[in-house]
Protein backbone atom coordinates (compact mmCIF):
# COMPACT_ATOMS: atom_id res chain seq x y z
CA UNK A 1 -28.70 110.06 21.73
CA UNK A 2 -31.98 111.70 20.59
CA UNK A 3 -34.20 113.87 22.74
CA UNK A 4 -36.80 111.09 22.72
CA UNK A 5 -34.24 108.68 24.16
CA UNK A 6 -33.46 111.25 26.85
CA UNK A 7 -37.14 111.53 27.74
CA UNK A 8 -37.65 107.77 27.74
CA UNK A 9 -34.68 107.21 30.02
CA UNK A 10 -35.90 109.94 32.35
CA UNK A 11 -39.41 108.58 32.81
CA UNK A 12 -38.81 104.89 32.12
CA UNK A 13 -35.33 104.06 33.43
CA UNK A 14 -34.00 100.58 32.73
CA UNK A 15 -32.04 98.48 35.21
CA UNK A 16 -29.60 95.59 34.93
CA UNK A 17 -31.46 92.33 35.62
CA UNK A 18 -28.50 91.03 37.64
CA UNK A 19 -27.08 93.85 39.76
CA UNK A 20 -29.98 96.33 39.55
CA UNK A 21 -27.76 99.18 38.38
CA UNK A 22 -29.38 101.72 36.10
CA UNK A 23 -28.45 101.02 32.50
CA UNK A 24 -26.87 103.54 30.21
CA UNK A 25 -28.53 104.30 26.88
CA UNK A 26 -26.06 101.96 25.12
CA UNK A 27 -26.70 99.02 27.45
CA UNK A 28 -29.48 96.48 27.03
CA UNK A 29 -30.87 94.23 29.78
CA UNK A 30 -27.47 93.78 31.45
CA UNK A 31 -24.79 96.30 32.32
CA UNK A 32 -21.42 95.83 30.64
CA UNK A 33 -19.79 94.65 33.88
CA UNK A 34 -22.37 91.92 34.55
CA UNK A 35 -22.46 90.79 30.93
CA UNK A 36 -18.68 90.46 30.73
CA UNK A 37 -18.46 88.57 34.04
CA UNK A 38 -21.00 85.86 33.17
CA UNK A 39 -19.34 82.41 33.40
CA UNK A 40 -18.91 81.25 29.80
CA UNK A 41 -18.42 77.52 29.19
CA UNK A 42 -16.63 77.94 25.83
CA UNK A 43 -17.84 74.42 25.01
CA UNK A 44 -18.56 75.32 21.40
CA UNK A 45 -14.80 75.13 20.93
CA UNK A 46 -14.48 71.65 22.47
CA UNK A 47 -15.21 68.38 20.69
CA UNK A 48 -16.84 65.70 22.89
CA UNK A 49 -17.64 68.33 25.47
CA UNK A 50 -19.72 67.95 28.64
CA UNK A 51 -22.98 68.88 26.93
CA UNK A 52 -22.50 66.42 24.07
CA UNK A 53 -21.82 63.63 26.58
CA UNK A 54 -25.31 64.15 28.05
CA UNK A 55 -26.76 62.72 24.85
CA UNK A 56 -24.32 59.92 24.05
CA UNK A 57 -26.19 56.63 23.71
CA UNK A 58 -29.55 58.42 23.73
CA UNK A 59 -29.73 59.98 20.28
CA UNK A 60 -27.21 60.86 17.56
CA UNK A 61 -25.93 64.39 18.14
CA UNK A 62 -24.08 66.53 15.61
CA UNK A 63 -22.86 69.12 18.12
CA UNK A 64 -24.01 70.59 21.39
CA UNK A 65 -23.10 73.46 23.67
CA UNK A 66 -24.28 75.61 26.54
CA UNK A 67 -23.36 79.28 26.72
CA UNK A 68 -23.09 79.73 30.51
CA UNK A 69 -22.52 77.73 33.67
CA UNK A 70 -25.43 77.85 36.11
CA UNK A 71 -24.87 77.59 39.86
CA UNK A 72 -27.41 78.08 42.63
CA UNK A 73 -27.19 81.59 44.02
CA UNK A 74 -25.09 82.87 41.12
CA UNK A 75 -25.72 85.63 38.60
CA UNK A 76 -26.98 83.21 35.94
CA UNK A 77 -29.76 82.18 38.32
CA UNK A 78 -30.97 85.80 38.41
CA UNK A 79 -30.80 85.89 34.63
CA UNK A 80 -32.86 82.70 34.25
CA UNK A 81 -35.45 83.83 36.77
CA UNK A 82 -35.92 87.12 34.92
CA UNK A 83 -36.22 85.19 31.66
CA UNK A 84 -38.77 82.67 32.93
CA UNK A 85 -40.74 84.29 35.71
CA UNK A 86 -40.49 88.07 35.54
CA UNK A 87 -41.61 88.81 32.01
CA UNK A 88 -38.08 89.01 30.65
CA UNK A 89 -38.80 88.24 27.02
CA UNK A 90 -36.44 91.05 26.00
CA UNK A 91 -33.75 89.37 28.08
CA UNK A 92 -34.30 86.20 26.08
CA UNK A 93 -33.83 87.92 22.74
CA UNK A 94 -30.81 89.82 24.03
CA UNK A 95 -29.11 86.69 25.39
CA UNK A 96 -29.87 84.85 22.16
CA UNK A 97 -28.02 87.56 20.28
CA UNK A 98 -25.11 87.37 22.73
CA UNK A 99 -24.87 83.59 22.32
CA UNK A 100 -24.96 83.79 18.56
CA UNK A 101 -22.41 86.60 18.39
CA UNK A 102 -19.88 84.70 20.48
CA UNK A 103 -20.48 81.24 19.00
CA UNK A 104 -20.34 82.59 15.45
CA UNK A 105 -16.58 82.90 15.84
CA UNK A 106 -16.52 79.11 15.54
CA UNK A 107 -18.25 76.85 13.01
CA UNK A 108 -21.04 75.97 15.45
CA UNK A 109 -23.90 77.24 13.27
CA UNK A 110 -22.42 75.98 10.02
CA UNK A 111 -24.85 73.79 8.09
CA UNK A 112 -27.83 74.40 10.40
CA UNK A 113 -31.05 74.78 8.38
CA UNK A 114 -33.48 75.80 11.13
CA UNK A 115 -33.75 76.61 14.83
CA UNK A 116 -36.39 74.72 16.83
CA UNK A 117 -37.21 76.16 20.28
CA UNK A 118 -38.53 73.77 22.92
CA UNK A 119 -42.31 74.41 22.84
CA UNK A 120 -44.46 75.34 25.81
CA UNK A 121 -47.91 73.91 26.41
CA UNK A 122 -50.58 76.46 25.30
CA UNK A 123 -51.80 76.78 28.89
CA UNK A 124 -48.37 77.80 30.17
CA UNK A 125 -47.79 80.00 27.11
CA UNK A 126 -50.98 81.94 27.86
CA UNK A 127 -49.97 82.37 31.48
CA UNK A 128 -46.39 83.46 30.77
CA UNK A 129 -47.18 85.41 27.61
CA UNK A 130 -44.15 84.16 25.70
CA UNK A 131 -41.93 81.11 25.27
CA UNK A 132 -38.49 81.85 26.72
CA UNK A 133 -36.82 79.29 24.43
CA UNK A 134 -38.43 80.93 21.42
CA UNK A 135 -37.11 84.33 22.53
CA UNK A 136 -33.58 82.87 22.70
CA UNK A 137 -34.10 81.35 19.25
CA UNK A 138 -35.28 84.68 17.83
CA UNK A 139 -32.15 86.37 19.14
CA UNK A 140 -29.95 83.70 17.58
CA UNK A 141 -31.83 84.03 14.30
CA UNK A 142 -31.33 87.81 14.27
CA UNK A 143 -27.56 87.34 14.27
CA UNK A 144 -27.20 84.20 12.15
CA UNK A 145 -30.07 84.57 9.69
CA UNK A 146 -31.15 80.97 10.38
CA UNK A 147 -34.97 80.73 10.42
CA UNK A 148 -36.93 79.76 13.52
CA UNK A 149 -39.50 77.00 12.99
CA UNK A 150 -42.30 76.81 15.55
CA UNK A 151 -44.66 74.65 13.48
CA UNK A 152 -42.89 71.29 13.65
CA UNK A 153 -42.96 70.42 17.35
CA UNK A 154 -45.73 70.73 19.93
CA UNK A 155 -46.11 70.00 23.64
CA UNK A 156 -49.40 68.14 23.87
CA UNK A 157 -49.47 67.54 27.63
CA UNK A 158 -49.37 70.09 30.42
CA UNK A 159 -46.62 69.19 32.88
CA UNK A 160 -45.43 70.59 36.18
CA UNK A 161 -42.34 72.76 36.21
CA UNK A 162 -39.06 70.84 36.28
CA UNK A 163 -37.70 73.07 39.05
CA UNK A 164 -37.00 71.18 42.31
CA UNK A 165 -37.53 67.76 40.69
CA UNK A 166 -34.90 65.04 40.96
CA UNK A 167 -33.50 63.24 37.93
CA UNK A 168 -36.09 60.45 37.88
CA UNK A 169 -38.97 62.90 38.35
CA UNK A 170 -37.67 65.05 35.49
CA UNK A 171 -37.60 62.07 33.13
CA UNK A 172 -41.12 60.99 34.07
CA UNK A 173 -42.44 64.55 33.88
CA UNK A 174 -41.60 64.95 30.18
CA UNK A 175 -42.15 61.39 29.01
CA UNK A 176 -44.29 61.40 25.84
CA UNK A 177 -45.32 65.05 26.13
CA UNK A 178 -44.08 66.16 22.69
CA UNK A 179 -45.36 65.43 19.21
CA UNK A 180 -43.87 66.11 15.79
CA UNK A 181 -46.46 67.91 13.65
CA UNK A 182 -44.58 68.33 10.38
CA UNK A 183 -42.05 65.55 9.80
CA UNK A 184 -41.97 66.17 6.04
CA UNK A 185 -40.59 69.65 6.61
CA UNK A 186 -37.77 68.21 8.73
CA UNK A 187 -36.62 65.47 6.37
CA UNK A 188 -32.94 65.73 5.40
CA UNK A 189 -32.51 68.89 7.49
CA UNK A 190 -30.04 69.88 10.18
CA UNK A 191 -31.90 71.46 13.08
CA UNK A 192 -30.68 73.26 16.18
CA UNK A 193 -32.90 72.62 19.23
CA UNK A 194 -32.74 75.54 21.67
CA UNK A 195 -33.67 75.59 25.37
CA UNK A 196 -32.95 77.81 28.36
CA UNK A 197 -31.15 75.42 30.73
CA UNK A 198 -29.78 71.87 30.57
CA UNK A 199 -29.95 69.89 33.81
CA UNK A 200 -30.49 66.18 33.12
CA UNK A 201 -31.23 66.52 29.40
CA UNK A 202 -34.65 64.91 29.89
CA UNK A 203 -36.62 67.57 27.99
CA UNK A 204 -34.25 67.67 25.03
CA UNK A 205 -34.11 63.88 24.78
CA UNK A 206 -37.91 63.68 24.93
CA UNK A 207 -38.02 66.05 21.94
CA UNK A 208 -35.42 64.04 20.04
CA UNK A 209 -37.36 60.84 20.68
CA UNK A 210 -40.38 62.06 18.70
CA UNK A 211 -38.09 63.03 15.80
CA UNK A 212 -36.29 59.70 15.48
CA UNK A 213 -38.46 58.55 12.56
CA UNK A 214 -37.70 61.65 10.46
CA UNK A 215 -35.45 60.52 7.57
CA UNK A 216 -31.87 61.81 7.49
CA UNK A 217 -32.48 64.38 10.24
CA UNK A 218 -29.44 65.87 11.94
CA UNK A 219 -29.83 67.34 15.43
CA UNK A 220 -27.68 69.83 17.31
CA UNK A 221 -28.44 71.40 20.69
CA UNK A 222 -27.78 74.78 22.28
CA UNK A 223 -28.87 75.99 25.71
CA UNK A 224 -28.34 79.26 27.49
CA UNK A 225 -27.05 77.54 30.63
CA UNK A 226 -25.71 74.24 31.93
CA UNK A 227 -26.72 73.40 35.49
CA UNK A 228 -23.96 72.39 37.86
CA UNK A 229 -25.69 69.18 38.87
CA UNK A 230 -25.81 67.83 35.29
């Protein structure tokens, strides 16, 4: 550890976003104990898994997975809140790297041409300062080398947050809010759509709906977490 690292840690200590423990110089965003205890789904190893079933009969899916199980009051909730509401863009990149590192042991990313993060409306992007799904995508890209494309999908309507909405309200909230801006770029590609949490699948399905006219497009899905009520 360099003297500059010593000085930085002295004046700008970093803390685990889950337990609040001060991080060591070799830890990033989460302490080793909290990172290792996060509830993995391991669904990337399971064909016809719970995440894939969310999309059956709604749009053709190549493969789908979620990295963690989300439960109210659990550690993943703290992680998601830091990512979405407390300026945790670094947490997003870090967790994207963690997802990619663990899923790379399987063939999950094989054949994927590009990563497409779920876009935010410009108004919300200005308020938050970053797109949490894009941060996850950047982390995945760092490990896999798969490019992130942010110029093919836009959110053209400002919608209320999905938090605290029931299933019907979630579907109505994202109905017709996305638009494909570069279908030619997507033709005959295999894309991986990335989002932070899967609850009903409404947001991801709304995105897939605007891509259904793209010729020979293959779609896979990856989220950081799967909500218990899905």
